[in-house]
């Protein structure tokens, strides 16, 4: 074997190892996080089941007695049908498969985006890996995974069109937004990108001295306005049609939840991924500040994504994707030859990643029975089985965090509270928390007074108070939950 062929083989092996390293990250993030514990996943599953059974989307609430008959739209209906399908086909492992597949697709889309600016393989892989670790908290079975994926695809399309000036490719955005509107309400972030692209040219005209170079020409403002109009019309291709915009407006008006729900609060900076987010943002700001020519498009997107992501940690992906793209844009080696993925190399990477996934499943002892045991340690599965067996009747009073699970586990027993923000408004969520924390006036809560059945977490103050309340008696108790029934009046 000649030195040149040996060197080429070594180079191929190195590239293969780098690609395997970054595409092997998703299974470890998914499995280690044990994503069957996501509290909102359960009402999504129940909604998917309802849609499949009724062959229609819901227009009013039937899952909670406090919101029964109230107008409600399942704006993530297609996600819910898909995840329910994976559950019925594969059991709880199907949830992990579904989540893994989406995170793997996000990895591929983000890596493709970074490679457009950073041609060196090691650097592009490193940036992608850092981004995935920084977005660890979003690796759960939620519809926002589709938003992250479509956001990366949208940026890929815009960057390609920006370079090639082949504006016909913008038509790909229409089916993208049409699908996005059936999967998640956060398609609004896609419009943030289009809006930044639309106002870039007017901004540059306003500041005539702004120079970004010939390789980063802005989109024609009129063209982007037409594109936005086309995407707005495409979004109407869903079961709720133009009502989706009223749903969006209502969802955006629920700002009071930011102080109540942990995923809507600012980053706590109690874990490494949170600090990594801050590092990536600072690194992107440094690279953009050092550059002599900065595009208003990327600057607007960077500032906007930072505001959104640092306000609520579930949107941390937004600034992470923008930050690593900006870092690659202003630090990448554009002179080097871009690495091309051959078909043989793709097969090797996919097979190796699949083997690593299988080894991960084996190492973590992942199986449907084991996942069910994990659920039983965090949710009132035994209590729900008792209620079901004894056919206890409601109205049921429950905590916000368990509402989604009880919707799924006890479909014939409507809950009092769950995680659907467009049914249970901030004032009611706050009241629910206050009652469970045993704050003054808890015994006067109208929903508790109307309840005949309480499924309580053993650790809450209300549970201890109800033990002493002569109006209730304990009919079941284990290490997770206590079931109270109201004594006959």
Protein backbone atom coordinates (compact mmCIF):
# COMPACT_ATOMS: atom_id res chain seq x y z
CA UNK A 1 0.00 0.00 0.00
CA UNK A 2 1.42 3.38 -1.01
CA UNK A 3 1.81 6.26 1.39
CA UNK A 4 -0.84 8.27 -0.49
CA UNK A 5 -3.47 5.52 -0.26
CA UNK A 6 -2.64 4.93 3.41
CA UNK A 7 -2.98 8.64 4.07
CA UNK A 8 -6.29 8.75 2.18
CA UNK A 9 -7.62 5.78 4.17
CA UNK A 10 -6.56 7.42 7.41
CA UNK A 11 -8.27 10.64 6.37
CA UNK A 12 -11.50 8.81 5.54
CA UNK A 13 -11.37 7.03 8.89
CA UNK A 14 -10.89 10.34 10.71
CA UNK A 15 -13.81 11.94 8.91
CA UNK A 16 -15.98 8.93 9.56
CA UNK A 17 -15.11 9.02 13.28
CA UNK A 18 -15.98 12.72 13.51
CA UNK A 19 -19.35 12.24 11.85
CA UNK A 20 -20.17 9.24 14.02
CA UNK A 21 -19.24 11.25 17.11
CA UNK A 22 -21.74 14.03 16.39
CA UNK A 23 -24.57 11.79 15.14
CA UNK A 24 -24.17 9.49 18.13
CA UNK A 25 -24.99 12.31 20.55
CA UNK A 26 -28.83 12.19 20.11
CA UNK A 27 -29.39 8.67 21.50
CA UNK A 28 -27.43 9.45 24.65
CA UNK A 29 -29.38 12.69 25.15
CA UNK A 30 -32.73 10.99 24.58
CA UNK A 31 -32.21 7.84 26.61
CA UNK A 32 -30.35 9.46 29.50
CA UNK A 33 -33.14 12.03 29.87
CA UNK A 34 -35.81 9.26 30.11
CA UNK A 35 -38.27 11.28 28.08
CA UNK A 36 -41.34 9.25 28.97
CA UNK A 37 -41.46 11.43 32.08
CA UNK A 38 -42.38 14.61 30.19
CA UNK A 39 -45.56 15.89 31.92
CA UNK A 40 -47.17 17.40 28.82
CA UNK A 41 -46.58 14.35 26.64
CA UNK A 42 -49.59 12.57 28.16
CA UNK A 43 -52.33 14.99 27.17
CA UNK A 44 -50.77 15.14 23.70
CA UNK A 45 -51.14 11.36 23.52
CA UNK A 46 -54.75 11.53 24.71
CA UNK A 47 -55.50 14.20 22.11
CA UNK A 48 -53.97 12.04 19.38
CA UNK A 49 -56.08 9.11 20.55
CA UNK A 50 -59.23 11.28 20.52
CA UNK A 51 -58.49 12.50 16.98
CA UNK A 52 -57.91 8.96 15.69
CA UNK A 53 -61.10 7.70 17.36
CA UNK A 54 -63.30 10.57 16.16
CA UNK A 55 -61.54 11.17 12.82
CA UNK A 56 -61.72 14.90 13.49
CA UNK A 57 -59.90 17.58 15.46
CA UNK A 58 -61.42 18.88 18.71
CA UNK A 59 -63.02 22.31 18.86
CA UNK A 60 -63.94 22.24 22.54
CA UNK A 61 -62.49 20.80 25.73
CA UNK A 62 -63.67 17.39 26.94
CA UNK A 63 -60.68 16.48 29.12
CA UNK A 64 -61.29 18.72 32.16
CA UNK A 65 -64.51 19.34 34.07
CA UNK A 66 -63.44 22.91 34.81
CA UNK A 67 -63.14 23.69 31.10
CA UNK A 68 -65.74 21.28 29.74
CA UNK A 69 -67.26 22.64 26.52
CA UNK A 70 -64.93 25.64 26.43
CA UNK A 71 -63.55 26.41 22.95
CA UNK A 72 -60.22 24.66 22.51
CA UNK A 73 -58.11 23.87 19.47
CA UNK A 74 -55.45 21.15 19.28
CA UNK A 75 -53.05 23.26 17.23
CA UNK A 76 -50.42 20.47 17.31
CA UNK A 77 -52.91 17.87 16.09
CA UNK A 78 -50.60 16.23 13.54
CA UNK A 79 -47.81 15.84 16.10
CA UNK A 80 -50.31 14.25 18.48
CA UNK A 81 -51.53 11.77 15.89
CA UNK A 82 -47.93 10.83 15.02
CA UNK A 83 -46.75 10.32 18.59
CA UNK A 84 -49.88 8.33 19.43
CA UNK A 85 -49.20 6.15 16.40
CA UNK A 86 -45.67 5.41 17.63
CA UNK A 87 -47.03 4.53 21.07
CA UNK A 88 -49.63 2.10 19.73
CA UNK A 89 -47.10 0.48 17.40
CA UNK A 90 -44.07 0.18 19.70
CA UNK A 91 -45.29 0.92 23.22
CA UNK A 92 -43.40 3.40 25.40
CA UNK A 93 -40.20 2.68 23.48
CA UNK A 94 -41.98 4.23 20.50
CA UNK A 95 -41.84 7.57 22.32
CA UNK A 96 -38.05 7.30 22.50
CA UNK A 97 -37.84 6.23 18.85
CA UNK A 98 -39.99 9.17 17.81
CA UNK A 99 -37.93 11.64 19.83
CA UNK A 100 -34.63 10.18 18.69
CA UNK A 101 -35.64 10.36 15.04
CA UNK A 102 -36.55 14.03 15.31
CA UNK A 103 -33.39 14.96 17.21
CA UNK A 104 -31.32 13.08 14.65
CA UNK A 105 -33.06 15.02 11.85
CA UNK A 106 -32.34 18.27 13.72
CA UNK A 107 -28.68 17.23 13.97
CA UNK A 108 -28.49 16.65 10.22
CA UNK A 109 -30.26 19.93 9.36
CA UNK A 110 -28.13 21.97 11.76
CA UNK A 111 -24.90 20.35 10.61
CA UNK A 112 -25.86 21.07 7.00
CA UNK A 113 -26.50 24.72 7.91
CA UNK A 114 -23.16 25.11 9.68
CA UNK A 115 -21.29 23.41 6.82
CA UNK A 116 -22.51 26.13 4.47
CA UNK A 117 -20.18 28.52 6.29
CA UNK A 118 -17.60 26.28 7.96
CA UNK A 119 -16.05 23.92 5.42
CA UNK A 120 -13.64 22.27 7.84
CA UNK A 121 -15.22 19.04 9.03
CA UNK A 122 -13.82 18.98 12.55
CA UNK A 123 -14.96 22.54 13.25
CA UNK A 124 -18.45 21.98 11.81
CA UNK A 125 -18.85 18.78 13.82
CA UNK A 126 -17.63 20.53 16.97
CA UNK A 127 -20.10 23.39 16.60
CA UNK A 128 -22.97 21.00 15.95
CA UNK A 129 -22.05 18.92 18.99
CA UNK A 130 -21.87 21.99 21.24
CA UNK A 131 -25.27 23.13 19.98
CA UNK A 132 -26.86 19.74 20.68
CA UNK A 133 -25.52 19.65 24.24
CA UNK A 134 -26.69 23.24 24.82
CA UNK A 135 -30.19 22.24 23.66
CA UNK A 136 -30.38 19.20 25.97
CA UNK A 137 -33.43 20.51 27.83
CA UNK A 138 -35.45 20.56 24.58
CA UNK A 139 -34.79 16.87 23.76
CA UNK A 140 -38.21 15.68 24.89
CA UNK A 141 -41.29 14.41 23.02
CA UNK A 142 -42.83 17.78 22.35
CA UNK A 143 -44.01 19.44 19.12
CA UNK A 144 -41.27 22.06 19.51
CA UNK A 145 -38.87 19.48 18.03
CA UNK A 146 -40.61 20.00 14.69
CA UNK A 147 -40.23 23.76 15.13
CA UNK A 148 -36.47 23.40 15.71
CA UNK A 149 -36.16 21.14 12.67
CA UNK A 150 -38.20 23.40 10.38
CA UNK A 151 -36.36 26.47 11.64
CA UNK A 152 -33.03 24.88 10.63
CA UNK A 153 -34.47 23.86 7.25
CA UNK A 154 -35.80 27.38 6.70
CA UNK A 155 -32.38 28.91 7.39
CA UNK A 156 -30.81 26.36 5.05
CA UNK A 157 -33.18 27.43 2.27
CA UNK A 158 -32.63 31.15 2.86
CA UNK A 159 -28.84 30.84 2.98
CA UNK A 160 -28.83 28.81 -0.26
CA UNK A 161 -31.09 31.31 -2.03
CA UNK A 162 -29.09 34.24 -0.70
CA UNK A 163 -25.96 32.82 -2.29
CA UNK A 164 -27.35 31.47 -5.53
CA UNK A 165 -29.90 34.28 -6.08
CA UNK A 166 -32.20 31.55 -7.38
CA UNK A 167 -35.34 33.02 -5.84
CA UNK A 168 -37.56 30.21 -7.14
CA UNK A 169 -36.24 28.10 -4.28
CA UNK A 170 -38.18 30.32 -1.88
CA UNK A 171 -41.27 28.43 -3.03
CA UNK A 172 -40.09 25.54 -0.85
CA UNK A 173 -41.05 27.70 2.12
CA UNK A 174 -44.76 27.42 1.27
CA UNK A 175 -45.13 23.65 1.90
CA UNK A 176 -42.75 23.98 4.84
CA UNK A 177 -45.01 26.51 6.56
CA UNK A 178 -48.15 24.59 5.58
CA UNK A 179 -46.79 21.52 7.38
CA UNK A 180 -45.41 23.61 10.24
CA UNK A 181 -48.85 25.07 10.93
CA UNK A 182 -50.26 21.58 11.50
CA UNK A 183 -47.50 20.55 13.87
CA UNK A 184 -46.77 23.46 16.20
CA UNK A 185 -47.92 26.99 16.97
CA UNK A 186 -44.33 28.24 17.10
CA UNK A 187 -44.28 28.66 13.34
CA UNK A 188 -44.27 32.31 14.41
CA UNK A 189 -40.48 32.02 14.83
CA UNK A 190 -40.27 31.17 11.15
CA UNK A 191 -41.92 34.50 10.42
CA UNK A 192 -39.30 36.21 12.60
CA UNK A 193 -36.67 34.95 10.17
CA UNK A 194 -38.64 36.10 7.13
CA UNK A 195 -39.30 39.45 8.78
CA UNK A 196 -35.59 39.99 9.41
CA UNK A 197 -34.88 39.15 5.77
CA UNK A 198 -37.62 41.52 4.57
CA UNK A 199 -36.42 44.59 6.49
CA UNK A 200 -32.72 44.06 5.82
CA UNK A 201 -32.74 45.96 2.52
CA UNK A 202 -34.67 48.97 3.95
CA UNK A 203 -32.28 49.05 6.93
CA UNK A 204 -29.30 49.16 4.61
CA UNK A 205 -30.89 51.98 2.62
CA UNK A 206 -31.51 53.88 5.82
CA UNK A 207 -27.89 53.45 6.88
CA UNK A 208 -26.18 53.92 3.53
CA UNK A 209 -22.71 53.43 4.96
CA UNK A 210 -23.61 49.87 5.99
CA UNK A 211 -21.41 47.57 3.91
CA UNK A 212 -21.79 43.79 4.00
CA UNK A 213 -19.84 42.85 0.89
CA UNK A 214 -20.83 41.26 -2.41
CA UNK A 215 -21.12 37.73 -1.02
CA UNK A 216 -23.95 38.55 1.38
CA UNK A 217 -26.42 40.60 -0.62
CA UNK A 218 -29.83 41.15 1.02
CA UNK A 219 -33.07 39.78 -0.33
CA UNK A 220 -35.24 42.21 -2.32
CA UNK A 221 -37.74 43.57 0.21
CA UNK A 222 -40.72 43.24 -2.16
CA UNK A 223 -39.88 39.61 -2.86
CA UNK A 224 -39.71 38.80 0.85
CA UNK A 225 -43.03 40.55 1.49
CA UNK A 226 -44.62 38.37 -1.21
CA UNK A 227 -42.98 35.32 0.34
CA UNK A 228 -44.41 36.20 3.74
CA UNK A 229 -47.88 36.64 2.25
CA UNK A 230 -47.56 33.26 0.53
CA UNK A 231 -46.52 31.59 3.83
CA UNK A 232 -49.42 33.26 5.65
CA UNK A 233 -51.84 31.80 3.10
CA UNK A 234 -50.12 28.40 3.23
CA UNK A 235 -50.70 28.23 6.98
CA UNK A 236 -54.45 28.17 6.37
CA UNK A 237 -54.03 24.61 5.04
CA UNK A 238 -54.99 23.05 8.35
CA UNK A 239 -58.25 21.84 9.96
CA UNK A 240 -58.69 25.15 11.80
CA UNK A 241 -57.99 27.27 8.68
CA UNK A 242 -57.56 30.99 9.45
CA UNK A 243 -58.64 30.38 13.04
CA UNK A 244 -55.02 29.36 13.63
CA UNK A 245 -54.13 33.07 13.81
CA UNK A 246 -56.67 33.70 16.59
CA UNK A 247 -55.22 30.70 18.40
CA UNK A 248 -51.74 32.16 17.97
CA UNK A 249 -52.84 35.56 19.30
CA UNK A 250 -54.48 33.95 22.34
CA UNK A 251 -51.41 31.83 23.07
CA UNK A 252 -49.09 34.83 22.87
CA UNK A 253 -51.31 36.75 25.32
CA UNK A 254 -50.71 34.25 28.13
CA UNK A 255 -47.60 35.99 29.44
CA UNK A 256 -48.67 35.45 33.05
CA UNK A 257 -47.54 31.81 32.83
CA UNK A 258 -43.88 32.84 32.58
CA UNK A 259 -43.67 33.24 36.34
CA UNK A 260 -45.44 29.95 37.09
CA UNK A 261 -44.28 27.19 34.75
CA UNK A 262 -40.61 26.18 35.05
CA UNK A 263 -40.06 25.66 31.31
CA UNK A 264 -41.25 29.22 30.65
CA UNK A 265 -38.89 30.80 33.16
CA UNK A 266 -35.41 32.13 32.44
CA UNK A 267 -32.42 29.80 32.37
CA UNK A 268 -31.55 28.82 35.95
CA UNK A 269 -27.84 28.29 35.17
CA UNK A 270 -27.69 25.23 37.40
CA UNK A 271 -26.32 22.85 34.78
CA UNK A 272 -23.55 22.73 32.21
CA UNK A 273 -25.85 23.07 29.13
CA UNK A 274 -27.18 26.39 30.47
CA UNK A 275 -23.69 27.84 30.80
CA UNK A 276 -22.84 26.46 27.36
CA UNK A 277 -25.73 28.50 25.93
CA UNK A 278 -24.22 31.63 27.43
CA UNK A 279 -20.79 30.70 26.08
CA UNK A 280 -22.10 30.18 22.54
CA UNK A 281 -23.98 33.48 22.61
CA UNK A 282 -20.88 35.32 23.84
CA UNK A 283 -18.68 33.61 21.24
CA UNK A 284 -21.09 34.52 18.43
CA UNK A 285 -21.25 38.13 19.64
CA UNK A 286 -17.45 38.29 19.73
CA UNK A 287 -17.07 36.91 16.21
CA UNK A 288 -19.75 39.21 14.79
CA UNK A 289 -18.23 42.20 16.58
CA UNK A 290 -14.77 41.41 15.25
CA UNK A 291 -16.01 41.15 11.66
CA UNK A 292 -15.72 44.24 9.51
CA UNK A 293 -18.93 43.50 7.62
CA UNK A 294 -21.95 42.29 9.53
CA UNK A 295 -25.24 41.56 7.83
CA UNK A 296 -28.29 43.31 9.38
CA UNK A 297 -30.19 40.05 8.81
CA UNK A 298 -27.98 38.06 11.16
CA UNK A 299 -27.72 40.93 13.62
CA UNK A 300 -31.51 41.30 13.87
CA UNK A 301 -31.97 37.56 14.17
CA UNK A 302 -29.30 37.32 16.86
CA UNK A 303 -30.78 40.06 19.03
CA UNK A 304 -34.34 38.78 18.60
CA UNK A 305 -33.43 35.18 19.39
CA UNK A 306 -31.49 36.22 22.49
CA UNK A 307 -34.48 38.16 23.85
CA UNK A 308 -36.84 35.23 23.28
CA UNK A 309 -34.52 32.49 24.55
CA UNK A 310 -33.34 34.20 27.72
CA UNK A 311 -36.93 34.96 28.64
CA UNK A 312 -38.09 31.33 28.57
CA UNK A 313 -35.73 28.35 28.72
CA UNK A 314 -37.88 26.10 26.49
CA UNK A 315 -36.96 28.41 23.60
CA UNK A 316 -33.22 28.20 24.27
CA UNK A 317 -32.80 26.36 20.97
CA UNK A 318 -33.62 29.58 19.11
CA UNK A 319 -30.55 31.53 20.19
CA UNK A 320 -28.34 28.41 20.11
CA UNK A 321 -29.09 27.71 16.43
CA UNK A 322 -28.60 31.36 15.50
CA UNK A 323 -25.44 31.71 17.60
CA UNK A 324 -23.60 28.70 16.15
CA UNK A 325 -24.61 29.74 12.64
CA UNK A 326 -23.27 33.27 13.20
CA UNK A 327 -20.10 31.86 14.72
CA UNK A 328 -19.58 29.68 11.65
CA UNK A 329 -20.52 32.58 9.36
CA UNK A 330 -17.88 34.94 10.72
CA UNK A 331 -15.16 32.50 11.78
CA UNK A 332 -15.39 29.75 9.20
CA UNK A 333 -12.65 28.94 6.72
CA UNK A 334 -14.32 29.76 3.40
CA UNK A 335 -11.15 29.14 1.41
CA UNK A 336 -10.85 25.43 2.20
CA UNK A 337 -12.62 22.84 0.10
CA UNK A 338 -15.98 21.78 1.46
CA UNK A 339 -16.12 18.20 2.63
CA UNK A 340 -18.47 16.05 0.54
CA UNK A 341 -20.46 13.22 2.09
CA UNK A 342 -20.23 10.16 -0.16
CA UNK A 343 -22.95 7.52 -0.23
CA UNK A 344 -20.59 4.91 1.21
CA UNK A 345 -19.63 7.19 4.07
CA UNK A 346 -23.30 7.92 4.86
CA UNK A 347 -24.04 4.20 5.07
CA UNK A 348 -21.09 3.58 7.40
CA UNK A 349 -22.12 6.44 9.68
CA UNK A 350 -25.79 5.37 9.79
CA UNK A 351 -24.98 1.73 10.52
CA UNK A 352 -22.50 2.65 13.25
CA UNK A 353 -24.90 5.11 14.86
CA UNK A 354 -27.66 2.48 14.78
CA UNK A 355 -25.34 0.02 16.54
CA UNK A 356 -24.45 2.63 19.16
CA UNK A 357 -28.15 3.28 19.71
CA UNK A 358 -28.77 -0.43 20.24
CA UNK A 359 -25.86 -0.59 22.70
CA UNK A 360 -27.21 2.45 24.54
CA UNK A 361 -30.65 0.85 24.86
CA UNK A 362 -29.01 -2.30 26.22
CA UNK A 363 -26.72 -0.41 28.62
CA UNK A 364 -29.62 1.58 30.10
CA UNK A 365 -31.82 -1.56 30.19
CA UNK A 366 -34.51 0.21 28.19
CA UNK A 367 -37.67 -1.83 27.63
CA UNK A 368 -41.40 -1.21 27.86
CA UNK A 369 -41.68 -2.86 31.31
CA UNK A 370 -38.70 -0.85 32.61
CA UNK A 371 -40.12 2.39 31.24
CA UNK A 372 -43.42 1.59 32.92
CA UNK A 373 -41.57 1.16 36.22
CA UNK A 374 -39.91 4.56 35.73
CA UNK A 375 -43.32 6.13 35.14
CA UNK A 376 -44.64 4.48 38.30
CA UNK A 377 -41.94 6.23 40.33
CA UNK A 378 -42.93 9.70 39.12
CA UNK A 379 -46.64 9.50 38.34
CA UNK A 380 -49.65 8.11 40.26
CA UNK A 381 -50.00 4.99 38.12
CA UNK A 382 -50.91 2.73 41.06
CA UNK A 383 -53.35 5.33 42.39
CA UNK A 384 -54.97 5.63 38.97
CA UNK A 385 -55.29 1.85 38.76
CA UNK A 386 -57.00 1.85 42.17
CA UNK A 387 -59.43 4.60 41.13
CA UNK A 388 -60.18 2.71 37.94
CA UNK A 389 -60.70 -0.60 39.73
CA UNK A 390 -63.01 0.88 42.39
CA UNK A 391 -64.76 3.05 39.78
CA UNK A 392 -64.47 6.11 41.99
CA UNK A 393 -66.36 9.10 40.67
CA UNK A 394 -65.44 12.75 40.45
CA UNK A 395 -65.26 15.62 40.21
CA UNK A 396 -61.51 15.02 40.51
CA UNK A 397 -59.11 17.55 42.00
CA UNK A 398 -55.45 17.27 40.97
CA UNK A 399 -52.22 19.22 40.69
CA UNK A 400 -51.13 20.98 37.48
CA UNK A 401 -48.16 18.61 36.99
CA UNK A 402 -50.26 15.43 37.09
CA UNK A 403 -53.16 16.65 35.00
CA UNK A 404 -51.75 15.51 31.68
CA UNK A 405 -50.96 12.02 32.95
CA UNK A 406 -54.42 11.62 34.51
CA UNK A 407 -56.06 12.74 31.25
CA UNK A 408 -54.28 9.85 29.56
CA UNK A 409 -54.55 7.26 32.33
CA UNK A 410 -58.16 7.94 33.39
CA UNK A 411 -59.91 9.04 30.18
CA UNK A 412 -63.39 8.67 31.70
CA UNK A 413 -62.60 10.95 34.64
CA UNK A 414 -62.11 14.61 33.64
CA UNK A 415 -59.36 16.45 35.52
CA UNK A 416 -59.53 19.84 37.20
CA UNK A 417 -56.20 21.16 35.91
CA UNK A 418 -53.59 20.26 33.30
CA UNK A 419 -50.85 21.81 31.19
CA UNK A 420 -52.98 23.20 28.35
CA UNK A 421 -52.38 26.92 28.74
CA UNK A 422 -55.16 27.91 26.35
CA UNK A 423 -57.73 26.19 28.61
CA UNK A 424 -56.39 26.95 32.07
CA UNK A 425 -55.35 30.58 32.22
CA UNK A 426 -52.58 31.98 34.46
CA UNK A 427 -54.90 33.05 37.30
CA UNK A 428 -56.32 29.54 37.63
CA UNK A 429 -52.89 27.92 37.43
CA UNK A 430 -51.64 30.26 40.16
CA UNK A 431 -54.66 29.44 42.31
CA UNK A 432 -54.03 25.72 41.83
CA UNK A 433 -50.43 26.13 42.99
CA UNK A 434 -51.51 28.20 46.01
CA UNK A 435 -54.00 25.55 47.12
CA UNK A 436 -51.48 22.73 46.82
CA UNK A 437 -48.91 24.77 48.74
CA UNK A 438 -51.48 25.18 51.51
CA UNK A 439 -51.55 28.96 51.41
CA UNK A 440 -54.20 30.83 53.45
CA UNK A 441 -57.67 30.37 51.99
CA UNK A 442 -56.95 26.96 50.51
CA UNK A 443 -60.07 25.44 52.08
CA UNK A 444 -62.27 28.02 50.33
CA UNK A 445 -61.12 27.11 46.83
CA UNK A 446 -64.26 26.51 44.77
CA UNK A 447 -62.79 23.68 42.70
CA UNK A 448 -61.63 21.81 45.81
CA UNK A 449 -65.02 22.35 47.47
CA UNK A 450 -66.76 20.91 44.41
CA UNK A 451 -64.51 17.83 44.27
CA UNK A 452 -65.41 14.37 45.54
CA UNK A 453 -62.05 12.82 44.68
CA UNK A 454 -58.47 14.07 45.16
CA UNK A 455 -55.36 12.37 43.77
CA UNK A 456 -52.55 14.04 45.70
CA UNK A 457 -48.78 13.97 45.63
CA UNK A 458 -47.57 12.89 49.07
CA UNK A 459 -45.05 15.75 49.25
CA UNK A 460 -47.47 18.67 48.93
CA UNK A 461 -48.78 20.69 51.86
CA UNK A 462 -52.40 20.18 50.79
CA UNK A 463 -51.94 16.42 51.19
CA UNK A 464 -51.00 16.87 54.84
CA UNK A 465 -53.89 19.27 55.40
CA UNK A 466 -56.42 16.89 53.88
CA UNK A 467 -55.20 14.14 56.21
CA UNK A 468 -56.57 16.27 59.06
CA UNK A 469 -59.71 17.42 57.26
CA UNK A 470 -62.79 15.59 58.57
CA UNK A 471 -64.52 15.99 55.21
CA UNK A 472 -62.08 13.61 53.48
CA UNK A 473 -60.88 10.09 54.08
CA UNK A 474 -57.89 8.22 52.67
CA UNK A 475 -58.76 5.22 50.52
CA UNK A 476 -55.34 4.58 48.95
CA UNK A 477 -51.73 5.52 49.66
CA UNK A 478 -48.35 4.50 48.34
CA UNK A 479 -44.90 6.09 48.06
CA UNK A 480 -46.06 8.42 45.29
CA UNK A 481 -49.70 9.39 45.82
CA UNK A 482 -52.57 9.56 48.25
CA UNK A 483 -56.18 9.20 47.13
CA UNK A 484 -58.82 11.03 49.14
CA UNK A 485 -62.59 10.74 48.77
CA UNK A 486 -65.09 13.13 50.29
CA UNK A 487 -67.17 11.60 53.01
CA UNK A 488 -70.89 11.45 52.35
CA UNK A 489 -72.52 14.67 53.34
